[in-house]
Protein backbone atom coordinates (compact mmCIF):
# COMPACT_ATOMS: atom_id res chain seq x y z
CA MET A 1 0.00 0.00 0.00
CA GLU A 2 2.77 2.46 0.94
CA ARG A 3 4.79 1.80 -2.23
CA ASP A 4 1.61 2.00 -4.29
CA LEU A 5 0.77 5.42 -2.86
CA ALA A 6 4.35 6.66 -3.11
CA LEU A 7 4.37 5.73 -6.79
CA ASP A 8 1.08 7.57 -7.31
CA ILE A 9 2.58 10.72 -5.79
CA LEU A 10 5.79 10.48 -7.81
CA VAL A 11 3.90 9.97 -11.06
CA ALA A 12 1.58 12.91 -10.30
CA TYR A 13 4.56 15.09 -9.45
CA GLU A 14 6.36 14.13 -12.65
CA LYS A 15 3.34 14.68 -14.87
CA ASP A 16 1.90 17.82 -13.33
CA HIS A 17 5.14 19.54 -12.23
CA THR A 18 3.44 20.45 -8.98
CA TYR A 19 5.21 21.16 -5.69
CA LEU A 20 6.27 17.90 -4.11
CA ASN A 21 5.00 18.77 -0.62
CA ILE A 22 1.57 19.68 -2.03
CA ALA A 23 1.29 16.39 -3.92
CA LEU A 24 2.44 14.46 -0.84
CA ASN A 25 0.14 16.20 1.65
CA HIS A 26 -2.88 15.84 -0.61
CA ALA A 27 -2.28 12.11 -0.97
CA LEU A 28 -1.58 11.47 2.71
CA ASN A 29 -4.72 13.31 3.76
CA SER A 30 -6.75 10.98 1.55
CA HIS A 31 -5.28 7.65 2.74
CA GLN A 32 -4.71 5.84 6.02
CA VAL A 33 -1.10 4.70 5.58
CA LYS A 34 2.28 4.88 7.29
CA ASN A 35 3.13 8.49 6.57
CA ASP A 36 6.81 8.17 7.43
CA LEU A 37 7.48 5.43 4.87
CA VAL A 38 5.58 7.16 2.07
CA THR A 39 7.31 10.47 2.84
CA ALA A 40 10.73 8.80 2.89
CA LEU A 41 10.13 7.08 -0.45
CA VAL A 42 8.82 10.21 -2.17
CA TYR A 43 11.31 12.73 -0.87
CA GLY A 44 14.25 10.34 -1.08
CA THR A 45 13.54 9.42 -4.69
CA ILE A 46 13.47 13.06 -5.79
CA GLN A 47 16.29 14.16 -3.51
CA TYR A 48 18.71 11.58 -4.90
CA ARG A 49 17.35 11.58 -8.43
CA LEU A 50 20.63 12.37 -10.22
CA ARG A 51 22.42 9.50 -8.50
CA LEU A 52 19.54 7.12 -9.15
CA GLU A 53 19.37 8.05 -12.83
CA TYR A 54 23.12 7.59 -13.15
CA GLU A 55 22.88 4.09 -11.70
CA LEU A 56 20.05 3.13 -14.07
CA LYS A 57 21.29 4.81 -17.24
CA ALA A 58 23.47 2.02 -18.66
CA HIS A 59 20.81 -0.61 -18.00
CA ILE A 60 18.00 1.32 -19.69
CA GLN A 61 20.23 1.60 -22.75
CA GLY A 62 18.69 4.73 -24.19
CA LYS A 63 15.13 3.41 -24.30
CA ARG A 64 12.28 5.90 -23.89
CA VAL A 65 10.69 4.96 -20.58
CA LYS A 66 7.09 5.83 -19.70
CA VAL A 67 6.48 7.97 -16.61
CA THR A 68 5.13 5.17 -14.40
CA GLU A 69 7.98 2.79 -15.17
CA ARG A 70 10.54 5.59 -14.81
CA MET A 71 9.36 6.66 -11.37
CA LEU A 72 9.04 3.03 -10.24
CA LEU A 73 12.63 2.32 -11.29
CA LEU A 74 13.89 5.43 -9.50
CA MET A 75 11.98 4.58 -6.33
CA SER A 76 13.28 1.00 -6.43
CA MET A 77 16.87 2.16 -6.86
CA TYR A 78 16.41 4.53 -3.92
CA GLU A 79 15.26 1.61 -1.77
CA HIS A 80 18.29 -0.40 -2.92
CA LEU A 81 20.92 2.30 -2.34
CA TYR A 82 19.60 4.25 0.64
CA MET A 83 16.99 2.18 2.46
CA HIS A 84 18.95 -1.08 2.13
CA MET A 85 15.86 -3.17 1.47
CA PRO A 86 16.52 -6.77 0.34
CA ASP A 87 16.97 -6.79 -3.43
CA TYR A 88 14.63 -9.73 -3.97
CA ALA A 89 11.85 -7.91 -2.10
CA ILE A 90 12.35 -4.74 -4.13
CA VAL A 91 12.30 -6.63 -7.42
CA ASP A 92 9.29 -8.78 -6.52
CA SER A 93 7.13 -5.88 -5.35
CA SER A 94 8.23 -3.61 -8.21
CA VAL A 95 7.47 -6.23 -10.84
CA ALA A 96 4.05 -6.82 -9.28
CA LEU A 97 3.37 -3.06 -9.27
CA ALA A 98 4.48 -2.69 -12.88
CA LYS A 99 2.28 -5.60 -13.96
CA LYS A 100 -0.76 -4.22 -12.15
CA ARG A 101 -0.29 -0.71 -13.54
CA ARG A 102 1.15 -1.28 -17.00
CA GLY A 103 0.91 -4.95 -17.91
CA ALA A 104 3.26 -7.90 -18.47
CA ARG A 105 5.60 -6.15 -20.90
CA ALA A 106 6.31 -3.31 -18.45
CA ALA A 107 6.80 -5.84 -15.65
CA SER A 108 9.38 -7.73 -17.73
CA PHE A 109 11.24 -4.48 -18.49
CA VAL A 110 11.30 -3.41 -14.83
CA ASN A 111 12.48 -6.87 -13.77
CA ALA A 112 15.38 -6.86 -16.27
CA VAL A 113 16.54 -3.32 -15.47
CA LEU A 114 16.47 -3.76 -11.71
CA ARG A 115 18.23 -7.13 -11.68
CA SER A 116 20.93 -5.85 -14.01
CA SER A 117 21.48 -2.52 -12.22
CA PHE A 118 21.56 -4.10 -8.76
CA ALA A 119 24.15 -6.64 -9.95
CA GLN A 120 26.32 -4.06 -11.76
CA PRO A 121 26.54 -0.75 -9.86
CA ALA A 122 27.79 2.28 -11.77
CA ASP A 123 31.49 3.08 -11.64
CA LEU A 124 32.01 6.60 -10.21
CA SER A 125 35.80 6.38 -9.99
CA SER A 126 36.50 7.84 -13.42
CA LEU A 127 34.42 10.99 -12.90
CA SER A 128 36.02 14.41 -12.47
CA GLU A 129 35.84 15.97 -9.00
CA ASP A 130 32.92 18.24 -9.91
CA ASP A 131 31.01 15.48 -11.72
CA TYR A 132 31.55 13.11 -8.80
CA LEU A 133 30.20 15.67 -6.30
CA SER A 134 27.24 16.32 -8.57
CA ILE A 135 26.30 12.65 -8.90
CA ILE A 136 27.08 11.42 -5.40
CA THR A 137 25.12 14.26 -3.73
CA SER A 138 22.50 14.65 -6.50
CA HIS A 139 23.08 18.35 -7.15
CA PRO A 140 23.18 19.60 -10.75
CA LEU A 141 26.65 20.31 -12.07
CA TRP A 142 25.98 24.02 -12.58
CA LEU A 143 25.09 24.37 -8.89
CA VAL A 144 28.19 22.48 -7.72
CA LYS A 145 30.39 24.74 -9.86
CA MET A 146 28.66 27.91 -8.68
CA LEU A 147 28.98 27.02 -4.99
CA LYS A 148 32.60 25.98 -5.46
CA LYS A 149 33.39 29.32 -7.13
CA GLN A 150 31.64 31.31 -4.41
CA TYR A 151 32.60 29.33 -1.30
CA GLY A 152 35.51 27.05 -2.15
CA LEU A 153 35.66 23.26 -2.34
CA GLU A 154 35.58 22.29 1.35
CA THR A 155 32.65 24.56 2.24
CA THR A 156 30.80 23.37 -0.87
CA LYS A 157 31.19 19.75 0.24
CA LYS A 158 29.64 20.67 3.61
CA ILE A 159 26.75 22.50 1.94
CA LEU A 160 26.00 19.59 -0.40
CA ALA A 161 26.06 17.11 2.47
CA SER A 162 23.78 19.29 4.62
CA ASP A 163 21.26 19.55 1.80
CA ASN A 164 20.71 15.79 2.04
CA GLU A 165 20.27 15.63 5.81
CA VAL A 166 16.91 15.44 7.57
CA PRO A 167 16.00 18.93 8.86
CA ILE A 168 15.63 19.45 12.59
CA LYS A 169 12.07 19.96 13.84
CA CYS A 170 12.34 23.56 14.94
CA ALA A 171 9.78 25.98 16.34
CA ARG A 172 9.71 29.53 17.65
CA VAL A 173 8.34 30.27 21.11
CA ASN A 174 5.58 32.86 20.92
CA THR A 175 6.75 35.30 23.59
CA LEU A 176 3.42 37.14 23.41
CA LYS A 177 1.98 34.18 25.34
CA ILE A 178 4.80 32.29 27.09
CA SER A 179 8.52 32.27 27.82
CA ARG A 180 10.82 29.60 26.45
CA GLU A 181 11.51 28.32 29.96
CA ALA A 182 7.80 28.01 30.74
CA LEU A 183 7.13 26.19 27.45
CA ILE A 184 9.87 23.62 28.14
CA GLN A 185 8.53 23.08 31.65
CA LYS A 186 5.03 22.61 30.21
CA ASP A 187 6.21 20.18 27.49
CA PRO A 188 9.71 18.67 27.98
CA ARG A 189 9.71 17.38 24.39
CA PHE A 190 10.72 20.92 23.44
CA LYS A 191 14.42 21.65 23.99
CA ALA A 192 16.13 25.04 23.99
CA SER A 193 18.36 25.88 21.03
CA PRO A 194 21.92 26.87 21.93
CA TYR A 195 22.00 29.41 19.08
CA THR A 196 18.99 31.73 19.21
CA LYS A 197 16.83 32.91 22.09
CA ASP A 198 13.34 32.01 20.83
CA ALA A 199 14.10 28.73 19.05
CA VAL A 200 13.22 25.27 20.37
CA TYR A 201 13.77 21.81 18.92
CA TYR A 202 11.00 19.26 19.13
CA GLU A 203 11.68 15.62 19.89
CA GLY A 204 8.18 14.33 19.16
CA GLY A 205 6.19 13.92 15.94
CA ASN A 206 4.49 16.67 13.96
CA ILE A 207 4.73 20.04 15.73
CA ALA A 208 1.46 21.16 14.11
CA HIS A 209 -0.35 18.37 15.99
CA THR A 210 0.86 19.49 19.43
CA GLN A 211 -1.30 21.27 21.96
CA ALA A 212 1.37 23.98 22.15
CA PHE A 213 0.90 24.75 18.45
CA LYS A 214 -2.89 24.72 18.68
CA GLU A 215 -2.75 27.09 21.67
CA GLY A 216 -0.48 29.43 19.75
CA ILE A 217 2.42 29.28 22.17
CA VAL A 218 4.74 27.95 19.47
CA THR A 219 4.84 28.26 15.70
CA ILE A 220 6.81 26.26 13.15
CA GLN A 221 9.75 28.32 11.92
CA ASP A 222 13.28 27.33 11.01
CA GLU A 223 15.99 28.73 13.24
CA SER A 224 17.84 30.74 10.61
CA SER A 225 14.54 32.32 9.55
CA GLN A 226 14.05 33.48 13.13
CA CYS A 227 17.26 35.51 12.93
CA VAL A 228 15.74 37.84 10.33
CA ALA A 229 13.20 39.64 12.53
CA GLN A 230 15.74 39.73 15.35
CA LEU A 231 18.18 41.52 13.06
CA LEU A 232 15.60 44.18 12.19
CA SER A 233 14.81 44.44 15.92
CA PRO A 234 11.70 46.63 15.70
CA GLN A 235 10.76 48.49 18.86
CA PRO A 236 7.28 48.80 20.42
CA GLY A 237 5.31 51.63 18.87
CA MET A 238 7.09 51.62 15.51
CA GLN A 239 5.46 51.75 12.08
CA VAL A 240 6.76 48.60 10.37
CA LEU A 241 6.36 47.22 6.84
CA ASP A 242 6.68 43.57 5.80
CA MET A 243 6.79 43.75 2.00
CA CYS A 244 6.53 40.04 1.09
CA ALA A 245 4.93 38.63 4.21
CA ALA A 246 3.21 35.28 3.54
CA PRO A 247 2.78 32.94 5.33
CA GLY A 248 3.46 35.31 8.22
CA SER A 249 6.14 33.54 10.28
CA LYS A 250 8.45 36.56 10.27
CA THR A 251 5.53 39.00 10.47
CA THR A 252 4.24 37.46 13.69
CA HIS A 253 7.79 37.37 15.03
CA LEU A 254 8.03 41.12 14.42
CA ALA A 255 4.78 41.55 16.38
CA ALA A 256 6.18 39.55 19.30
CA LEU A 257 9.39 41.62 19.33
CA MET A 258 7.23 44.77 19.37
CA ASP A 259 5.13 43.35 22.22
CA ASN A 260 2.01 44.01 20.12
CA GLN A 261 2.57 47.76 20.24
CA GLY A 262 2.69 49.79 17.02
CA THR A 263 1.56 48.70 13.56
CA ILE A 264 2.77 46.22 10.95
CA ASP A 265 1.53 46.55 7.39
CA ALA A 266 1.99 43.16 5.73
CA PHE A 267 1.61 42.69 1.98
CA ASP A 268 1.52 39.74 -0.36
CA LEU A 269 0.40 39.16 -3.93
CA TYR A 270 -2.39 36.65 -3.40
CA LYS A 271 -5.61 36.68 -1.40
CA HIS A 272 -5.24 33.09 -0.19
CA LYS A 273 -1.80 33.94 1.20
CA ILE A 274 -3.25 36.89 3.12
CA ALA A 275 -5.59 34.37 4.72
CA LEU A 276 -2.52 32.39 5.87
CA ILE A 277 -1.04 35.51 7.47
CA ASN A 278 -4.31 36.29 9.24
CA ASP A 279 -4.71 32.70 10.44
CA ASN A 280 -1.19 32.71 11.88
CA ALA A 281 -1.70 36.11 13.50
CA SER A 282 -5.00 34.99 15.05
CA ARG A 283 -3.54 31.75 16.45
CA LEU A 284 -0.54 33.56 17.91
CA GLY A 285 -2.46 36.58 19.22
CA ALA A 286 -0.51 39.06 17.08
CA THR A 287 -3.02 41.93 16.96
CA ILE A 288 -1.02 44.72 15.28
CA ILE A 289 -0.76 43.12 11.82
CA ASN A 290 -2.68 44.69 8.95
CA ALA A 291 -2.45 42.14 6.13
CA GLN A 292 -3.30 43.34 2.61
CA VAL A 293 -3.16 42.07 -0.95
CA GLY A 294 -0.62 44.09 -2.87
CA ASP A 295 2.23 43.94 -5.36
CA ALA A 296 5.39 45.08 -3.58
CA THR A 297 7.13 45.76 -6.89
CA ASN A 298 4.58 48.55 -7.50
CA LEU A 299 5.35 51.55 -5.30
CA GLU A 300 1.76 52.81 -5.66
CA THR A 301 0.64 49.79 -3.63
CA PHE A 302 1.85 51.49 -0.46
CA GLY A 303 0.40 54.98 -0.91
CA LYS A 304 2.40 57.82 0.63
CA LYS A 305 3.13 56.09 3.95
CA GLN A 306 6.71 55.78 5.23
CA TYR A 307 8.07 53.39 7.80
CA ASP A 308 10.51 53.23 10.71
CA ALA A 309 11.54 49.68 9.84
CA ILE A 310 11.05 47.54 6.74
CA LEU A 311 11.46 43.81 6.25
CA LEU A 312 12.06 42.72 2.67
CA ASP A 313 12.24 38.95 2.70
CA GLY A 314 12.57 38.80 -1.05
CA PRO A 315 11.70 36.16 -3.62
CA CYS A 316 14.79 34.11 -4.46
CA THR A 317 16.06 30.86 -5.94
CA GLY A 318 15.68 29.07 -2.59
CA LEU A 319 19.12 27.46 -2.69
CA GLY A 320 19.32 27.56 1.10
CA VAL A 321 16.31 25.30 1.64
CA LEU A 322 17.21 22.30 -0.52
CA ALA A 323 16.93 19.91 2.44
CA ARG A 324 13.28 20.92 2.86
CA LYS A 325 12.27 21.55 -0.76
CA VAL A 326 14.25 18.87 -2.52
CA GLU A 327 12.89 19.56 -6.01
CA ILE A 328 14.32 23.12 -6.11
CA ARG A 329 17.79 21.76 -6.89
CA TYR A 330 16.56 20.71 -10.34
CA HIS A 331 15.28 24.15 -11.33
CA GLU A 332 16.95 25.74 -14.33
CA PRO A 333 19.75 28.24 -13.55
CA SER A 334 17.96 30.78 -15.76
CA ALA A 335 15.60 31.36 -12.81
CA MET A 336 18.33 33.56 -11.30
CA ASP A 337 18.30 35.85 -14.32
CA GLU A 338 14.57 36.37 -13.89
CA ILE A 339 14.55 36.99 -10.16
CA ILE A 340 17.51 39.35 -9.69
CA PRO A 341 15.77 42.33 -11.40
CA ILE A 342 12.69 41.73 -9.20
CA GLN A 343 14.87 41.81 -6.06
CA LYS A 344 16.45 45.05 -7.27
CA LYS A 345 13.02 46.65 -7.82
CA LEU A 346 11.86 45.59 -4.37
CA LEU A 347 14.97 47.06 -2.76
CA GLU A 348 14.39 50.32 -4.61
CA ASN A 349 10.81 50.46 -3.32
CA ALA A 350 11.99 49.69 0.21
CA TYR A 351 14.37 52.64 -0.05
CA GLN A 352 11.55 54.97 -1.11
CA LEU A 353 9.32 53.77 1.76
CA CYS A 354 11.94 54.00 4.51
CA LYS A 355 12.00 57.09 6.74
CA MET A 356 15.22 59.01 7.20
CA GLY A 357 17.02 57.26 10.04
CA GLY A 358 14.99 54.10 9.45
CA ASN A 359 16.19 50.53 8.95
CA ILE A 360 15.71 47.93 6.24
CA VAL A 361 16.48 44.23 6.47
CA TYR A 362 16.88 42.50 3.12
CA SER A 363 16.83 38.72 3.45
CA THR A 364 16.61 35.64 1.25
CA CYS A 365 16.58 31.88 1.75
CA THR A 366 19.28 31.44 -0.88
CA ILE A 367 23.05 31.27 -0.51
CA ASN A 368 23.78 32.55 -4.00
CA LYS A 369 25.95 35.65 -3.61
CA LYS A 370 24.58 37.20 -6.81
CA GLU A 371 21.20 37.49 -5.10
CA ASN A 372 22.68 38.51 -1.77
CA GLU A 373 26.00 40.31 -1.24
CA LYS A 374 26.28 41.51 -4.83
CA GLN A 375 22.68 42.69 -4.87
CA VAL A 376 23.23 44.72 -1.69
CA ALA A 377 26.58 46.10 -2.88
CA THR A 378 24.90 47.46 -6.03
CA PHE A 379 22.03 48.91 -3.96
CA VAL A 380 24.35 50.73 -1.56
CA LYS A 381 26.45 52.05 -4.43
CA ASP A 382 23.30 53.48 -6.04
CA HIS A 383 22.14 55.00 -2.72
CA PRO A 384 24.98 56.74 -0.84
CA ASP A 385 22.68 57.50 2.12
CA MET A 386 22.25 53.76 2.76
CA ARG A 387 24.89 51.90 4.75
CA VAL A 388 25.34 48.29 5.76
CA VAL A 389 25.11 47.88 9.55
CA GLU A 390 25.34 44.10 9.69
CA GLU A 391 25.44 41.42 7.01
CA LYS A 392 25.52 37.68 7.53
CA THR A 393 25.05 34.42 5.71
CA ILE A 394 23.95 31.31 7.57
CA LEU A 395 25.01 28.22 5.64
CA PRO A 396 22.90 25.04 6.00
CA PHE A 397 25.50 23.29 8.16
CA ASP A 398 26.05 26.23 10.56
CA MET A 399 23.08 25.46 12.83
CA HIS A 400 21.74 22.41 10.98
CA SER A 401 19.11 24.81 9.64
CA ASP A 402 18.12 26.45 6.39
CA GLY A 403 20.66 28.53 4.52
CA PHE A 404 19.80 32.22 4.85
CA TYR A 405 21.20 35.62 3.99
CA MET A 406 20.27 38.82 5.83
CA CYS A 407 21.52 42.37 5.79
CA LEU A 408 20.58 45.28 8.07
CA LEU A 409 20.73 48.60 6.23
CA LYS A 410 20.32 52.09 7.71
CA LYS A 411 19.12 55.22 5.90
CA ASP A 412 21.28 58.12 7.06
CA GLU A 413 20.96 61.84 6.49
CA LEU A 414 23.47 63.01 3.90
């Protein structure tokens, strides 16, 4: 049943090009199965896809393989390489699945490819260093080369390894309702992070199913993401803008840091995402958030209002969250060319909306320096009254968290 459902999800993902987590959650909500096994099969197959395809390539021998057979072969190879299932069990169940779904001919093909590929693993020894890193960690070659150029070989190896690790279950204590110490006393499954003051790690199952989450005393938020609002450090009573706010994790953190005093205007492009912000704010008791539909690239969206502090958590390539969103690694590099001008426009609008003496935090969940340090350097060069106060990059292995970039900028009088 679990393999059947996992194959359904993988085929739907491959055909529809939907987000993997959406396809997975939809399927799991419709079936009573072992969620952990299905999740492992689905995410693992996509996460290690390059390696799996490399192992299968010689045994497929250039044949055009239908979607169902292709995803079944990839899933089976994942079980062989990473779940260490008995080969006979993998072959038997895969052949049965292929026969049920696609008939005897497909079953015969799957049987031959799996038996051959399991018996003759691919030789990786002749690959170049970059090609080897690409295949063994299942990151596209362009990404390996880019990271190596920007961070050096040893740091790149650490990044690639971190991207394939299971993320820590991390939450943020909602200090509008409880202290971290009181939360841990109330539920000892939460443990204090050694890195940031509001972060806790959870040693149970799904955080969203806990009473603490339902009561709004914690919210799910990665630790590096929590550093963003702390860097802006808005004070009670301030007029604050969150330009790209959904789903509201950072917005509600801003409200907590302001002790629910002042105002936060929060914008996002889509009505359904505004609903997410409002739902989060309601659950957490963040009462100073005014969530609105609006295009942050259009300055007219904001009227003539100016702000003491602005958070611009910009759209980006997401290269810091590959452990969580495994399919992002296979996006085309041309996505960077499309997003950098949008980031630049958003920064320009943030500048126009910031009061003299005010602060802006520009942040992304990517570790690509073209979207981060270089973007900020160009912005500051174009605006001599803006200066960098603090700039930092959190790499995925630093806190076993998402990779994040953040920069605190101040608007000075010339």
